Amino acid sequence: VGLDVIGVPTSEVTRADAERCGIRLT
């Protein structure tokens, strides 16, 4: 709904969850 953030995942599991949820990653 518009929150602009970027994340660094701490595991491959979290990376997959974040991508599924539409969170930008770096």
PDB file of all heavy atoms in Angstrom:
ATOM      1  N   VAL A   1       0.828  -1.213   0.000  1.00  0.00           N
ATOM      2  CA  VAL A   1       0.000   0.000   0.000  1.00  0.00           C
ATOM      3  C   VAL A   1       0.862   1.262   0.000  1.00  0.00           C
ATOM      4  O   VAL A   1       0.386   2.353   0.327  1.00  0.00           O
ATOM      5  CB  VAL A   1      -0.987   0.013   1.194  1.00  0.00           C
ATOM      6  CG1 VAL A   1      -1.986  -1.113   1.063  1.00  0.00           C
ATOM      7  CG2 VAL A   1      -0.256  -0.057   2.532  1.00  0.00           C
ATOM      8  N   GLY A   2       2.143   1.101  -0.365  1.00  0.00           N
ATOM      9  CA  GLY A   2       2.944   2.286  -0.637  1.00  0.00           C
ATOM     10  C   GLY A   2       4.154   2.554   0.234  1.00  0.00           C
ATOM     11  O   GLY A   2       4.893   3.511  -0.026  1.00  0.00           O
ATOM     12  N   LEU A   3       4.411   1.761   1.285  1.00  0.00           N
ATOM     13  CA  LEU A   3       5.587   2.003   2.116  1.00  0.00           C
ATOM     14  C   LEU A   3       6.850   1.704   1.314  1.00  0.00           C
ATOM     15  O   LEU A   3       7.005   0.605   0.758  1.00  0.00           O
ATOM     16  CB  LEU A   3       5.547   1.134   3.375  1.00  0.00           C
ATOM     17  CG  LEU A   3       6.734   1.298   4.334  1.00  0.00           C
ATOM     18  CD1 LEU A   3       6.725   2.683   4.965  1.00  0.00           C
ATOM     19  CD2 LEU A   3       6.710   0.222   5.424  1.00  0.00           C
ATOM     20  N   ASP A   4       7.770   2.660   1.272  1.00  0.00           N
ATOM     21  CA  ASP A   4       9.002   2.519   0.499  1.00  0.00           C
ATOM     22  C   ASP A   4      10.162   2.189   1.433  1.00  0.00           C
ATOM     23  O   ASP A   4      10.674   3.062   2.138  1.00  0.00           O
ATOM     24  CB  ASP A   4       9.293   3.810  -0.271  1.00  0.00           C
ATOM     25  CG  ASP A   4      10.577   3.711  -1.085  1.00  0.00           C
ATOM     26  OD1 ASP A   4      10.953   2.578  -1.455  1.00  0.00           O
ATOM     27  OD2 ASP A   4      11.200   4.759  -1.331  1.00  0.00           O
ATOM     28  N   VAL A   5      10.547   0.930   1.469  1.00  0.00           N
ATOM     29  CA  VAL A   5      11.696   0.493   2.256  1.00  0.00           C
ATOM     30  C   VAL A   5      12.495  -0.486   1.405  1.00  0.00           C
ATOM     31  O   VAL A   5      12.049  -0.948   0.358  1.00  0.00           O
ATOM     32  CB  VAL A   5      11.277  -0.205   3.583  1.00  0.00           C
ATOM     33  CG1 VAL A   5      10.584   0.776   4.508  1.00  0.00           C
ATOM     34  CG2 VAL A   5      10.405  -1.423   3.297  1.00  0.00           C
ATOM     35  N   ILE A   6      13.691  -0.803   1.893  1.00  0.00           N
ATOM     36  CA  ILE A   6      14.502  -1.819   1.233  1.00  0.00           C
ATOM     37  C   ILE A   6      15.121  -2.691   2.317  1.00  0.00           C
ATOM     38  O   ILE A   6      15.435  -2.203   3.410  1.00  0.00           O
ATOM     39  CB  ILE A   6      15.584  -1.174   0.336  1.00  0.00           C
ATOM     40  CG1 ILE A   6      16.227  -2.225  -0.571  1.00  0.00           C
ATOM     41  CG2 ILE A   6      16.614  -0.405   1.153  1.00  0.00           C
ATOM     42  CD1 ILE A   6      17.011  -1.622  -1.719  1.00  0.00           C
ATOM     43  N   GLY A   7      15.247  -3.986   2.053  1.00  0.00           N
ATOM     44  CA  GLY A   7      15.678  -4.910   3.086  1.00  0.00           C
ATOM     45  C   GLY A   7      16.885  -5.731   2.697  1.00  0.00           C
ATOM     46  O   GLY A   7      17.161  -5.955   1.516  1.00  0.00           O
ATOM     47  N   VAL A   8      17.601  -6.187   3.719  1.00  0.00           N
ATOM     48  CA  VAL A   8      18.688  -7.157   3.560  1.00  0.00           C
ATOM     49  C   VAL A   8      18.279  -8.411   4.323  1.00  0.00           C
ATOM     50  O   VAL A   8      18.160  -8.374   5.553  1.00  0.00           O
ATOM     51  CB  VAL A   8      20.018  -6.614   4.103  1.00  0.00           C
ATOM     52  CG1 VAL A   8      21.090  -7.705   4.076  1.00  0.00           C
ATOM     53  CG2 VAL A   8      20.487  -5.417   3.284  1.00  0.00           C
ATOM     54  N   PRO A   9      18.037  -9.513   3.636  1.00  0.00           N
ATOM     55  CA  PRO A   9      17.608 -10.742   4.319  1.00  0.00           C
ATOM     56  C   PRO A   9      18.785 -11.448   4.980  1.00  0.00           C
ATOM     57  O   PRO A   9      19.921 -11.380   4.497  1.00  0.00           O
ATOM     58  CB  PRO A   9      17.028 -11.591   3.187  1.00  0.00           C
ATOM     59  CG  PRO A   9      17.771 -11.138   1.967  1.00  0.00           C
ATOM     60  CD  PRO A   9      18.064  -9.680   2.174  1.00  0.00           C
ATOM     61  N   THR A  10      18.506 -12.149   6.073  1.00  0.00           N
ATOM     62  CA  THR A  10      19.550 -12.857   6.811  1.00  0.00           C
ATOM     63  C   THR A  10      19.645 -14.333   6.453  1.00  0.00           C
ATOM     64  O   THR A  10      20.432 -15.063   7.067  1.00  0.00           O
ATOM     65  CB  THR A  10      19.323 -12.708   8.327  1.00  0.00           C
ATOM     66  OG1 THR A  10      18.002 -13.167   8.644  1.00  0.00           O
ATOM     67  CG2 THR A  10      19.471 -11.267   8.770  1.00  0.00           C
ATOM     68  N   SER A  11      18.865 -14.791   5.496  1.00  0.00           N
ATOM     69  CA  SER A  11      18.926 -16.189   5.066  1.00  0.00           C
ATOM     70  C   SER A  11      18.260 -16.308   3.711  1.00  0.00           C
ATOM     71  O   SER A  11      17.522 -15.412   3.279  1.00  0.00           O
ATOM     72  CB  SER A  11      18.231 -17.107   6.073  1.00  0.00           C
ATOM     73  OG  SER A  11      16.837 -16.863   6.084  1.00  0.00           O
ATOM     74  N   GLU A  12      18.499 -17.423   3.058  1.00  0.00           N
ATOM     75  CA  GLU A  12      17.835 -17.670   1.789  1.00  0.00           C
ATOM     76  C   GLU A  12      16.337 -17.885   1.989  1.00  0.00           C
ATOM     77  O   GLU A  12      15.531 -17.541   1.118  1.00  0.00           O
ATOM     78  CB  GLU A  12      18.477 -18.875   1.089  1.00  0.00           C
ATOM     79  CG  GLU A  12      19.925 -18.635   0.680  1.00  0.00           C
ATOM     80  CD  GLU A  12      20.102 -17.379  -0.160  1.00  0.00           C
ATOM     81  OE1 GLU A  12      19.351 -17.228  -1.153  1.00  0.00           O
ATOM     82  OE2 GLU A  12      20.962 -16.545   0.171  1.00  0.00           O
ATOM     83  N   VAL A  13      15.949 -18.444   3.127  1.00  0.00           N
ATOM     84  CA  VAL A  13      14.525 -18.609   3.430  1.00  0.00           C
ATOM     85  C   VAL A  13      13.845 -17.248   3.532  1.00  0.00           C
ATOM     86  O   VAL A  13      12.766 -17.013   2.958  1.00  0.00           O
ATOM     87  CB  VAL A  13      14.337 -19.419   4.724  1.00  0.00           C
ATOM     88  CG1 VAL A  13      12.874 -19.383   5.179  1.00  0.00           C
ATOM     89  CG2 VAL A  13      14.785 -20.860   4.530  1.00  0.00           C
ATOM     90  N   THR A  14      14.468 -16.328   4.259  1.00  0.00           N
ATOM     91  CA  THR A  14      13.894 -14.989   4.389  1.00  0.00           C
ATOM     92  C   THR A  14      13.903 -14.261   3.058  1.00  0.00           C
ATOM     93  O   THR A  14      12.959 -13.516   2.744  1.00  0.00           O
ATOM     94  CB  THR A  14      14.660 -14.182   5.455  1.00  0.00           C
ATOM     95  OG1 THR A  14      14.514 -14.838   6.720  1.00  0.00           O
ATOM     96  CG2 THR A  14      14.129 -12.764   5.572  1.00  0.00           C
ATOM     97  N   ARG A  15      14.938 -14.456   2.261  1.00  0.00           N
ATOM     98  CA  ARG A  15      14.966 -13.840   0.937  1.00  0.00           C
ATOM     99  C   ARG A  15      13.729 -14.269   0.120  1.00  0.00           C
ATOM    100  O   ARG A  15      13.046 -13.436  -0.481  1.00  0.00           O
ATOM    101  CB  ARG A  15      16.234 -14.237   0.184  1.00  0.00           C
ATOM    102  CG  ARG A  15      16.282 -13.705  -1.262  1.00  0.00           C
ATOM    103  CD  ARG A  15      17.523 -14.177  -1.983  1.00  0.00           C
ATOM    104  NE  ARG A  15      18.708 -13.700  -1.303  1.00  0.00           N
ATOM    105  CZ  ARG A  15      19.204 -12.473  -1.419  1.00  0.00           C
ATOM    106  NH1 ARG A  15      18.592 -11.599  -2.204  1.00  0.00           N
ATOM    107  NH2 ARG A  15      20.286 -12.127  -0.771  1.00  0.00           N
ATOM    108  N   ALA A  16      13.445 -15.548   0.128  1.00  0.00           N
ATOM    109  CA  ALA A  16      12.291 -16.053  -0.622  1.00  0.00           C
ATOM    110  C   ALA A  16      10.988 -15.481  -0.078  1.00  0.00           C
ATOM    111  O   ALA A  16      10.097 -15.091  -0.851  1.00  0.00           O
ATOM    112  CB  ALA A  16      12.270 -17.577  -0.586  1.00  0.00           C
ATOM    113  N   ASP A  17      10.864 -15.401   1.249  1.00  0.00           N
ATOM    114  CA  ASP A  17       9.646 -14.838   1.851  1.00  0.00           C
ATOM    115  C   ASP A  17       9.484 -13.362   1.464  1.00  0.00           C
ATOM    116  O   ASP A  17       8.383 -12.913   1.132  1.00  0.00           O
ATOM    117  CB  ASP A  17       9.702 -14.957   3.377  1.00  0.00           C
ATOM    118  CG  ASP A  17       9.481 -16.375   3.865  1.00  0.00           C
ATOM    119  OD1 ASP A  17       8.929 -17.191   3.091  1.00  0.00           O
ATOM    120  OD2 ASP A  17       9.859 -16.676   5.015  1.00  0.00           O
ATOM    121  N   ALA A  18      10.579 -12.608   1.530  1.00  0.00           N
ATOM    122  CA  ALA A  18      10.516 -11.179   1.220  1.00  0.00           C
ATOM    123  C   ALA A  18      10.172 -10.950  -0.247  1.00  0.00           C
ATOM    124  O   ALA A  18       9.372 -10.055  -0.579  1.00  0.00           O
ATOM    125  CB  ALA A  18      11.844 -10.512   1.571  1.00  0.00           C
ATOM    126  N   GLU A  19      10.755 -11.734  -1.112  1.00  0.00           N
ATOM    127  CA  GLU A  19      10.434 -11.599  -2.536  1.00  0.00           C
ATOM    128  C   GLU A  19       8.968 -11.920  -2.790  1.00  0.00           C
ATOM    129  O   GLU A  19       8.291 -11.237  -3.566  1.00  0.00           O
ATOM    130  CB  GLU A  19      11.346 -12.507  -3.354  1.00  0.00           C
ATOM    131  CG  GLU A  19      12.793 -12.014  -3.409  1.00  0.00           C
ATOM    132  CD  GLU A  19      13.724 -12.985  -4.098  1.00  0.00           C
ATOM    133  OE1 GLU A  19      13.336 -14.169  -4.274  1.00  0.00           O
ATOM    134  OE2 GLU A  19      14.842 -12.576  -4.454  1.00  0.00           O
ATOM    135  N   ARG A  20       8.476 -12.950  -2.129  1.00  0.00           N
ATOM    136  CA  ARG A  20       7.060 -13.310  -2.276  1.00  0.00           C
ATOM    137  C   ARG A  20       6.153 -12.182  -1.801  1.00  0.00           C
ATOM    138  O   ARG A  20       5.060 -11.969  -2.366  1.00  0.00           O
ATOM    139  CB  ARG A  20       6.782 -14.595  -1.484  1.00  0.00           C
ATOM    140  CG  ARG A  20       5.321 -14.998  -1.424  1.00  0.00           C
ATOM    141  CD  ARG A  20       5.153 -16.328  -0.694  1.00  0.00           C
ATOM    142  NE  ARG A  20       5.790 -16.340   0.614  1.00  0.00           N
ATOM    143  CZ  ARG A  20       5.249 -15.820   1.718  1.00  0.00           C
ATOM    144  NH1 ARG A  20       4.061 -15.242   1.658  1.00  0.00           N
ATOM    145  NH2 ARG A  20       5.893 -15.884   2.870  1.00  0.00           N
ATOM    146  N   CYS A  21       6.591 -11.445  -0.779  1.00  0.00           N
ATOM    147  CA  CYS A  21       5.792 -10.359  -0.215  1.00  0.00           C
ATOM    148  C   CYS A  21       6.012  -9.031  -0.941  1.00  0.00           C
ATOM    149  O   CYS A  21       5.416  -8.015  -0.556  1.00  0.00           O
ATOM    150  CB  CYS A  21       6.118 -10.189   1.268  1.00  0.00           C
ATOM    151  SG  CYS A  21       5.574 -11.565   2.300  1.00  0.00           S
ATOM    152  N   GLY A  22       6.854  -9.019  -1.964  1.00  0.00           N
ATOM    153  CA  GLY A  22       7.048  -7.808  -2.755  1.00  0.00           C
ATOM    154  C   GLY A  22       7.976  -6.776  -2.143  1.00  0.00           C
ATOM    155  O   GLY A  22       7.941  -5.596  -2.528  1.00  0.00           O
ATOM    156  N   ILE A  23       8.840  -7.176  -1.216  1.00  0.00           N
ATOM    157  CA  ILE A  23       9.757  -6.245  -0.555  1.00  0.00           C
ATOM    158  C   ILE A  23      11.035  -6.122  -1.384  1.00  0.00           C
ATOM    159  O   ILE A  23      11.656  -7.130  -1.754  1.00  0.00           O
ATOM    160  CB  ILE A  23      10.091  -6.744   0.869  1.00  0.00           C
ATOM    161  CG1 ILE A  23       8.812  -6.833   1.703  1.00  0.00           C
ATOM    162  CG2 ILE A  23      11.111  -5.821   1.536  1.00  0.00           C
ATOM    163  CD1 ILE A  23       8.990  -7.588   3.013  1.00  0.00           C
ATOM    164  N   ARG A  24      11.444  -4.899  -1.674  1.00  0.00           N
ATOM    165  CA  ARG A  24      12.696  -4.674  -2.405  1.00  0.00           C
ATOM    166  C   ARG A  24      13.873  -5.118  -1.539  1.00  0.00           C
ATOM    167  O   ARG A  24      13.893  -4.857  -0.330  1.00  0.00           O
ATOM    168  CB  ARG A  24      12.877  -3.195  -2.750  1.00  0.00           C
ATOM    169  CG  ARG A  24      12.001  -2.682  -3.851  1.00  0.00           C
ATOM    170  CD  ARG A  24      12.515  -1.333  -4.355  1.00  0.00           C
ATOM    171  NE  ARG A  24      12.606  -0.343  -3.288  1.00  0.00           N
ATOM    172  CZ  ARG A  24      13.685   0.418  -3.064  1.00  0.00           C
ATOM    173  NH1 ARG A  24      14.783   0.254  -3.774  1.00  0.00           N
ATOM    174  NH2 ARG A  24      13.663   1.323  -2.089  1.00  0.00           N
ATOM    175  N   LEU A  25      14.858  -5.743  -2.169  1.00  0.00           N
ATOM    176  CA  LEU A  25      15.998  -6.267  -1.426  1.00  0.00           C
ATOM    177  C   LEU A  25      17.310  -5.720  -1.980  1.00  0.00           C
ATOM    178  O   LEU A  25      17.412  -5.345  -3.146  1.00  0.00           O
ATOM    179  CB  LEU A  25      16.019  -7.800  -1.490  1.00  0.00           C
ATOM    180  CG  LEU A  25      14.810  -8.515  -0.874  1.00  0.00           C
ATOM    181  CD1 LEU A  25      14.941 -10.019  -1.065  1.00  0.00           C
ATOM    182  CD2 LEU A  25      14.657  -8.165   0.604  1.00  0.00           C
ATOM    183  N   THR A  26      18.307  -5.702  -1.106  1.00  0.00           N
ATOM    184  CA  THR A  26      19.650  -5.296  -1.491  1.00  0.00           C
ATOM    185  C   THR A  26      20.641  -6.142  -0.703  1.00  0.00           C
ATOM    186  O   THR A  26      20.254  -7.127  -0.067  1.00  0.00           O
ATOM    187  CB  THR A  26      19.859  -3.786  -1.250  1.00  0.00           C
ATOM    188  OG1 THR A  26      21.139  -3.400  -1.767  1.00  0.00           O
ATOM    189  CG2 THR A  26      19.785  -3.438   0.234  1.00  0.00           C
TER     190      THR A  26
END
